Amino acid sequence: MKKEAFDIIKKEIGRIGAMFLITLVIFYIAFAKENLISILRMVLSLFWLFALPGYSIMLYWHDKLEFMERFVIGIFLAAAIIGISSYYIGLIGLNIRHHTILLPAAMILIGVIISLKSKT
């Protein structure tokens, strides 16, 4: 069963890459006066903060929802979870500059673990 989960993730990495390229082209058109490196940094940060954590959380519903549905719902879900958890973790005392690294990485890890455990 774990091999099937990795095969699913491997297959959909191409879809995520295509979504990244589409987003990059849209941002390049929208911010035509900016240089490509700045646009690439914006798209990478959006994908790191919202798309990848949201996608990994929505892996649990792989059989029930199509890729685009999981991707879009995941982006909004990740934005909500990161916003709320960042607020409360900031109240606890963790400096905000660490949130952009720790929270998405933790959400990706949690999403993949839950998906792997649900498949077995």
N, C-alpha and C. Protein backbone atom coordinates (compact mmCIF):
# COMPACT_ATOMS: atom_id res chain seq x y z
N MET A 1 0.82 -1.21 0.00
CA MET A 1 0.00 0.00 0.00
C MET A 1 0.86 1.27 0.00
N LYS A 2 1.97 1.26 0.71
CA LYS A 2 2.81 2.46 0.74
C LYS A 2 3.39 2.75 -0.65
N LYS A 3 3.68 1.70 -1.40
CA LYS A 3 4.19 1.90 -2.76
C LYS A 3 3.15 2.58 -3.63
N GLU A 4 1.88 2.24 -3.45
CA GLU A 4 0.82 2.89 -4.21
C GLU A 4 0.74 4.37 -3.87
N ALA A 5 0.90 4.70 -2.60
CA ALA A 5 0.85 6.11 -2.20
C ALA A 5 2.01 6.88 -2.82
N PHE A 6 3.19 6.29 -2.84
CA PHE A 6 4.32 6.97 -3.47
C PHE A 6 4.14 7.08 -4.98
N ASP A 7 3.51 6.09 -5.60
CA ASP A 7 3.22 6.16 -7.03
C ASP A 7 2.24 7.28 -7.35
N ILE A 8 1.25 7.45 -6.47
CA ILE A 8 0.28 8.52 -6.65
C ILE A 8 0.97 9.88 -6.54
N ILE A 9 1.82 10.03 -5.54
CA ILE A 9 2.53 11.30 -5.35
C ILE A 9 3.46 11.56 -6.54
N LYS A 10 4.14 10.53 -6.99
CA LYS A 10 5.05 10.66 -8.12
C LYS A 10 4.30 11.10 -9.38
N LYS A 11 3.13 10.53 -9.60
CA LYS A 11 2.32 10.88 -10.77
C LYS A 11 1.83 12.32 -10.69
N GLU A 12 1.48 12.77 -9.50
CA GLU A 12 0.90 14.10 -9.39
C GLU A 12 1.95 15.20 -9.23
N ILE A 13 3.21 14.84 -9.06
CA ILE A 13 4.26 15.86 -9.04
C ILE A 13 4.30 16.58 -10.40
N GLY A 14 4.05 15.84 -11.46
CA GLY A 14 3.97 16.46 -12.78
C GLY A 14 2.84 17.47 -12.87
N ARG A 15 1.70 17.14 -12.27
CA ARG A 15 0.58 18.09 -12.26
C ARG A 15 0.90 19.33 -11.44
N ILE A 16 1.56 19.13 -10.31
CA ILE A 16 1.93 20.27 -9.48
C ILE A 16 2.95 21.14 -10.22
N GLY A 17 3.88 20.49 -10.93
CA GLY A 17 4.84 21.24 -11.74
C GLY A 17 4.16 22.04 -12.83
N ALA A 18 3.15 21.45 -13.45
CA ALA A 18 2.40 22.18 -14.49
C ALA A 18 1.67 23.37 -13.88
N MET A 19 1.09 23.19 -12.70
CA MET A 19 0.42 24.31 -12.03
C MET A 19 1.43 25.40 -11.67
N PHE A 20 2.63 25.00 -11.28
CA PHE A 20 3.68 25.97 -10.98
C PHE A 20 4.03 26.77 -12.22
N LEU A 21 4.20 26.09 -13.35
CA LEU A 21 4.55 26.79 -14.58
C LEU A 21 3.43 27.71 -15.05
N ILE A 22 2.18 27.27 -14.92
CA ILE A 22 1.05 28.11 -15.30
C ILE A 22 1.01 29.36 -14.42
N THR A 23 1.22 29.17 -13.13
CA THR A 23 1.23 30.31 -12.21
C THR A 23 2.39 31.25 -12.52
N LEU A 24 3.54 30.69 -12.85
CA LEU A 24 4.69 31.51 -13.21
C LEU A 24 4.41 32.34 -14.46
N VAL A 25 3.78 31.76 -15.46
CA VAL A 25 3.45 32.50 -16.68
C VAL A 25 2.44 33.60 -16.39
N ILE A 26 1.43 33.29 -15.57
CA ILE A 26 0.43 34.30 -15.21
C ILE A 26 1.08 35.45 -14.46
N PHE A 27 1.95 35.15 -13.51
CA PHE A 27 2.64 36.21 -12.77
C PHE A 27 3.58 36.99 -13.69
N TYR A 28 4.21 36.31 -14.64
CA TYR A 28 5.10 37.00 -15.57
C TYR A 28 4.32 37.97 -16.45
N ILE A 29 3.11 37.60 -16.83
CA ILE A 29 2.27 38.50 -17.61
C ILE A 29 1.76 39.65 -16.74
N ALA A 30 1.34 39.33 -15.53
CA ALA A 30 0.78 40.36 -14.65
C ALA A 30 1.84 41.36 -14.18
N PHE A 31 3.06 40.87 -13.94
CA PHE A 31 4.14 41.74 -13.47
C PHE A 31 5.23 41.82 -14.52
N ALA A 32 4.87 42.25 -15.70
CA ALA A 32 5.77 42.24 -16.85
C ALA A 32 7.00 43.13 -16.65
N LYS A 33 6.89 44.16 -15.84
CA LYS A 33 8.01 45.07 -15.66
C LYS A 33 9.03 44.58 -14.63
N GLU A 34 8.68 43.57 -13.90
CA GLU A 34 9.61 42.99 -12.92
C GLU A 34 10.54 42.00 -13.61
N ASN A 35 11.70 41.77 -12.98
CA ASN A 35 12.59 40.77 -13.57
C ASN A 35 12.14 39.36 -13.20
N LEU A 36 12.62 38.40 -13.94
CA LEU A 36 12.17 37.02 -13.81
C LEU A 36 12.52 36.42 -12.45
N ILE A 37 13.64 36.81 -11.88
CA ILE A 37 14.05 36.26 -10.58
C ILE A 37 13.06 36.69 -9.49
N SER A 38 12.61 37.92 -9.51
CA SER A 38 11.64 38.39 -8.51
C SER A 38 10.31 37.66 -8.65
N ILE A 39 9.89 37.45 -9.88
CA ILE A 39 8.64 36.73 -10.12
C ILE A 39 8.77 35.27 -9.68
N LEU A 40 9.90 34.66 -9.99
CA LEU A 40 10.14 33.28 -9.58
C LEU A 40 10.12 33.15 -8.05
N ARG A 41 10.71 34.11 -7.36
CA ARG A 41 10.70 34.09 -5.89
C ARG A 41 9.29 34.23 -5.34
N MET A 42 8.47 35.08 -5.95
CA MET A 42 7.08 35.22 -5.51
C MET A 42 6.31 33.91 -5.67
N VAL A 43 6.43 33.30 -6.85
CA VAL A 43 5.68 32.07 -7.12
C VAL A 43 6.19 30.93 -6.23
N LEU A 44 7.50 30.83 -6.05
CA LEU A 44 8.04 29.81 -5.16
C LEU A 44 7.55 29.99 -3.73
N SER A 45 7.51 31.22 -3.26
CA SER A 45 7.05 31.44 -1.89
C SER A 45 5.56 31.12 -1.74
N LEU A 46 4.75 31.46 -2.73
CA LEU A 46 3.34 31.11 -2.67
C LEU A 46 3.12 29.60 -2.69
N PHE A 47 3.90 28.93 -3.51
CA PHE A 47 3.77 27.48 -3.55
C PHE A 47 4.26 26.84 -2.25
N TRP A 48 5.35 27.35 -1.69
CA TRP A 48 5.86 26.79 -0.44
C TRP A 48 4.90 27.05 0.72
N LEU A 49 4.33 28.23 0.78
CA LEU A 49 3.47 28.58 1.91
C LEU A 49 2.07 27.99 1.82
N PHE A 50 1.50 27.90 0.62
CA PHE A 50 0.10 27.54 0.51
C PHE A 50 -0.16 26.29 -0.34
N ALA A 51 0.42 26.18 -1.51
CA ALA A 51 0.06 25.09 -2.42
C ALA A 51 0.56 23.73 -1.95
N LEU A 52 1.82 23.63 -1.59
CA LEU A 52 2.36 22.33 -1.18
C LEU A 52 1.79 21.83 0.14
N PRO A 53 1.70 22.68 1.18
CA PRO A 53 1.05 22.18 2.41
C PRO A 53 -0.41 21.81 2.20
N GLY A 54 -1.12 22.62 1.43
CA GLY A 54 -2.53 22.32 1.17
C GLY A 54 -2.70 21.03 0.38
N TYR A 55 -1.83 20.84 -0.60
CA TYR A 55 -1.89 19.60 -1.39
C TYR A 55 -1.62 18.39 -0.50
N SER A 56 -0.62 18.49 0.37
CA SER A 56 -0.30 17.33 1.20
C SER A 56 -1.40 17.03 2.20
N ILE A 57 -2.07 18.04 2.69
CA ILE A 57 -3.20 17.80 3.60
C ILE A 57 -4.35 17.13 2.85
N MET A 58 -4.58 17.55 1.63
CA MET A 58 -5.70 17.01 0.86
C MET A 58 -5.41 15.65 0.23
N LEU A 59 -4.21 15.12 0.40
CA LEU A 59 -3.91 13.78 -0.10
C LEU A 59 -4.82 12.73 0.53
N TYR A 60 -5.29 13.00 1.72
CA TYR A 60 -6.19 12.07 2.41
C TYR A 60 -7.44 11.79 1.58
N TRP A 61 -7.91 12.79 0.85
CA TRP A 61 -9.13 12.66 0.06
C TRP A 61 -8.82 12.38 -1.41
N HIS A 62 -7.74 11.70 -1.68
CA HIS A 62 -7.33 11.44 -3.06
C HIS A 62 -8.37 10.65 -3.84
N ASP A 63 -9.02 9.69 -3.20
CA ASP A 63 -9.99 8.85 -3.91
C ASP A 63 -11.32 9.54 -4.15
N LYS A 64 -11.63 10.56 -3.36
CA LYS A 64 -12.94 11.20 -3.45
C LYS A 64 -12.96 12.48 -4.28
N LEU A 65 -11.83 13.15 -4.40
CA LEU A 65 -11.78 14.42 -5.11
C LEU A 65 -10.75 14.37 -6.23
N GLU A 66 -11.02 15.09 -7.28
CA GLU A 66 -10.08 15.19 -8.39
C GLU A 66 -8.90 16.09 -7.99
N PHE A 67 -7.87 16.10 -8.83
CA PHE A 67 -6.66 16.86 -8.51
C PHE A 67 -6.94 18.35 -8.34
N MET A 68 -7.65 18.95 -9.29
CA MET A 68 -7.89 20.40 -9.22
C MET A 68 -8.71 20.78 -8.00
N GLU A 69 -9.68 19.96 -7.65
CA GLU A 69 -10.49 20.24 -6.46
C GLU A 69 -9.62 20.20 -5.21
N ARG A 70 -8.79 19.16 -5.10
CA ARG A 70 -7.91 19.05 -3.94
C ARG A 70 -6.90 20.19 -3.91
N PHE A 71 -6.40 20.58 -5.07
CA PHE A 71 -5.38 21.63 -5.13
C PHE A 71 -5.95 22.98 -4.69
N VAL A 72 -7.12 23.33 -5.21
CA VAL A 72 -7.72 24.63 -4.89
C VAL A 72 -8.20 24.66 -3.43
N ILE A 73 -8.89 23.62 -3.00
CA ILE A 73 -9.35 23.57 -1.60
C ILE A 73 -8.14 23.57 -0.67
N GLY A 74 -7.09 22.86 -1.05
CA GLY A 74 -5.89 22.80 -0.24
C GLY A 74 -5.21 24.14 -0.06
N ILE A 75 -5.21 24.96 -1.10
CA ILE A 75 -4.60 26.29 -0.99
C ILE A 75 -5.33 27.12 0.04
N PHE A 76 -6.66 27.12 0.00
CA PHE A 76 -7.42 27.90 0.97
C PHE A 76 -7.31 27.30 2.37
N LEU A 77 -7.29 25.99 2.46
CA LEU A 77 -7.15 25.34 3.75
C LEU A 77 -5.79 25.63 4.37
N ALA A 78 -4.74 25.58 3.58
CA ALA A 78 -3.40 25.88 4.08
C ALA A 78 -3.28 27.33 4.51
N ALA A 79 -3.89 28.24 3.75
CA ALA A 79 -3.85 29.65 4.14
C ALA A 79 -4.53 29.86 5.48
N ALA A 80 -5.65 29.19 5.69
CA ALA A 80 -6.36 29.33 6.96
C ALA A 80 -5.57 28.71 8.11
N ILE A 81 -5.06 27.52 7.91
CA ILE A 81 -4.32 26.85 8.99
C ILE A 81 -3.04 27.58 9.31
N ILE A 82 -2.30 28.02 8.31
CA ILE A 82 -1.05 28.73 8.56
C ILE A 82 -1.33 30.07 9.23
N GLY A 83 -2.37 30.77 8.80
CA GLY A 83 -2.70 32.05 9.44
C GLY A 83 -3.06 31.90 10.90
N ILE A 84 -3.92 30.96 11.19
CA ILE A 84 -4.36 30.76 12.58
C ILE A 84 -3.22 30.23 13.45
N SER A 85 -2.51 29.21 12.94
CA SER A 85 -1.44 28.64 13.76
C SER A 85 -0.28 29.62 13.92
N SER A 86 -0.02 30.43 12.93
CA SER A 86 1.03 31.44 13.05
C SER A 86 0.69 32.46 14.14
N TYR A 87 -0.56 32.83 14.22
CA TYR A 87 -1.00 33.77 15.25
C TYR A 87 -0.77 33.19 16.64
N TYR A 88 -1.23 31.97 16.85
CA TYR A 88 -1.12 31.38 18.18
C TYR A 88 0.31 30.99 18.53
N ILE A 89 1.08 30.55 17.56
CA ILE A 89 2.48 30.25 17.84
C ILE A 89 3.25 31.53 18.14
N GLY A 90 2.87 32.63 17.49
CA GLY A 90 3.47 33.92 17.81
C GLY A 90 3.14 34.36 19.22
N LEU A 91 1.93 34.08 19.68
CA LEU A 91 1.57 34.40 21.05
C LEU A 91 2.37 33.58 22.05
N ILE A 92 2.69 32.34 21.68
CA ILE A 92 3.50 31.49 22.56
C ILE A 92 4.92 32.04 22.68
N GLY A 93 5.42 32.66 21.61
CA GLY A 93 6.73 33.27 21.70
C GLY A 93 7.70 32.93 20.59
N LEU A 94 7.31 32.10 19.63
CA LEU A 94 8.20 31.79 18.51
C LEU A 94 8.24 32.98 17.57
N ASN A 95 9.45 33.41 17.24
CA ASN A 95 9.63 34.57 16.38
C ASN A 95 9.01 34.32 15.00
N ILE A 96 8.41 35.35 14.44
CA ILE A 96 7.65 35.21 13.20
C ILE A 96 8.52 34.87 12.00
N ARG A 97 9.81 35.18 12.04
CA ARG A 97 10.64 34.88 10.88
C ARG A 97 10.85 33.38 10.70
N HIS A 98 10.58 32.59 11.74
CA HIS A 98 10.70 31.13 11.63
C HIS A 98 9.41 30.48 11.12
N HIS A 99 8.32 31.19 11.13
CA HIS A 99 7.02 30.62 10.75
C HIS A 99 6.99 30.18 9.29
N THR A 100 7.64 30.94 8.41
CA THR A 100 7.57 30.63 6.98
C THR A 100 8.35 29.37 6.62
N ILE A 101 9.20 28.92 7.51
CA ILE A 101 9.94 27.69 7.26
C ILE A 101 9.30 26.52 8.00
N LEU A 102 8.99 26.73 9.27
CA LEU A 102 8.52 25.63 10.11
C LEU A 102 7.09 25.20 9.83
N LEU A 103 6.18 26.13 9.69
CA LEU A 103 4.77 25.77 9.53
C LEU A 103 4.47 25.01 8.23
N PRO A 104 4.93 25.48 7.07
CA PRO A 104 4.67 24.69 5.86
C PRO A 104 5.34 23.31 5.91
N ALA A 105 6.57 23.25 6.42
CA ALA A 105 7.25 21.96 6.50
C ALA A 105 6.50 21.00 7.42
N ALA A 106 6.02 21.51 8.54
CA ALA A 106 5.25 20.66 9.46
C ALA A 106 3.94 20.21 8.83
N MET A 107 3.26 21.09 8.11
CA MET A 107 2.01 20.72 7.46
C MET A 107 2.23 19.68 6.36
N ILE A 108 3.29 19.82 5.60
CA ILE A 108 3.59 18.83 4.57
C ILE A 108 3.88 17.48 5.21
N LEU A 109 4.67 17.48 6.24
CA LEU A 109 5.01 16.23 6.92
C LEU A 109 3.76 15.57 7.53
N ILE A 110 2.93 16.34 8.18
CA ILE A 110 1.70 15.80 8.78
C ILE A 110 0.77 15.26 7.70
N GLY A 111 0.62 15.99 6.62
CA GLY A 111 -0.26 15.54 5.54
C GLY A 111 0.21 14.24 4.91
N VAL A 112 1.50 14.11 4.69
CA VAL A 112 2.03 12.88 4.08
C VAL A 112 1.90 11.71 5.05
N ILE A 113 2.17 11.93 6.34
CA ILE A 113 2.05 10.85 7.33
C ILE A 113 0.60 10.39 7.43
N ILE A 114 -0.34 11.32 7.49
CA ILE A 114 -1.75 10.94 7.57
C ILE A 114 -2.18 10.18 6.32
N SER A 115 -1.72 10.62 5.16
CA SER A 115 -2.08 9.94 3.92
C SER A 115 -1.51 8.53 3.89
N LEU A 116 -0.27 8.36 4.32
CA LEU A 116 0.35 7.04 4.31
C LEU A 116 -0.33 6.11 5.31
N LYS A 117 -0.70 6.62 6.47
CA LYS A 117 -1.36 5.79 7.47
C LYS A 117 -2.78 5.41 7.05
N SER A 118 -3.45 6.28 6.32
CA SER A 118 -4.81 5.97 5.88
C SER A 118 -4.82 4.93 4.76
N LYS A 119 -3.74 4.83 4.00
CA LYS A 119 -3.67 3.88 2.90
C LYS A 119 -3.39 2.46 3.39
N THR A 120 -2.83 2.32 4.59
CA THR A 120 -2.49 0.98 5.09
C THR A 120 -3.62 0.33 5.82
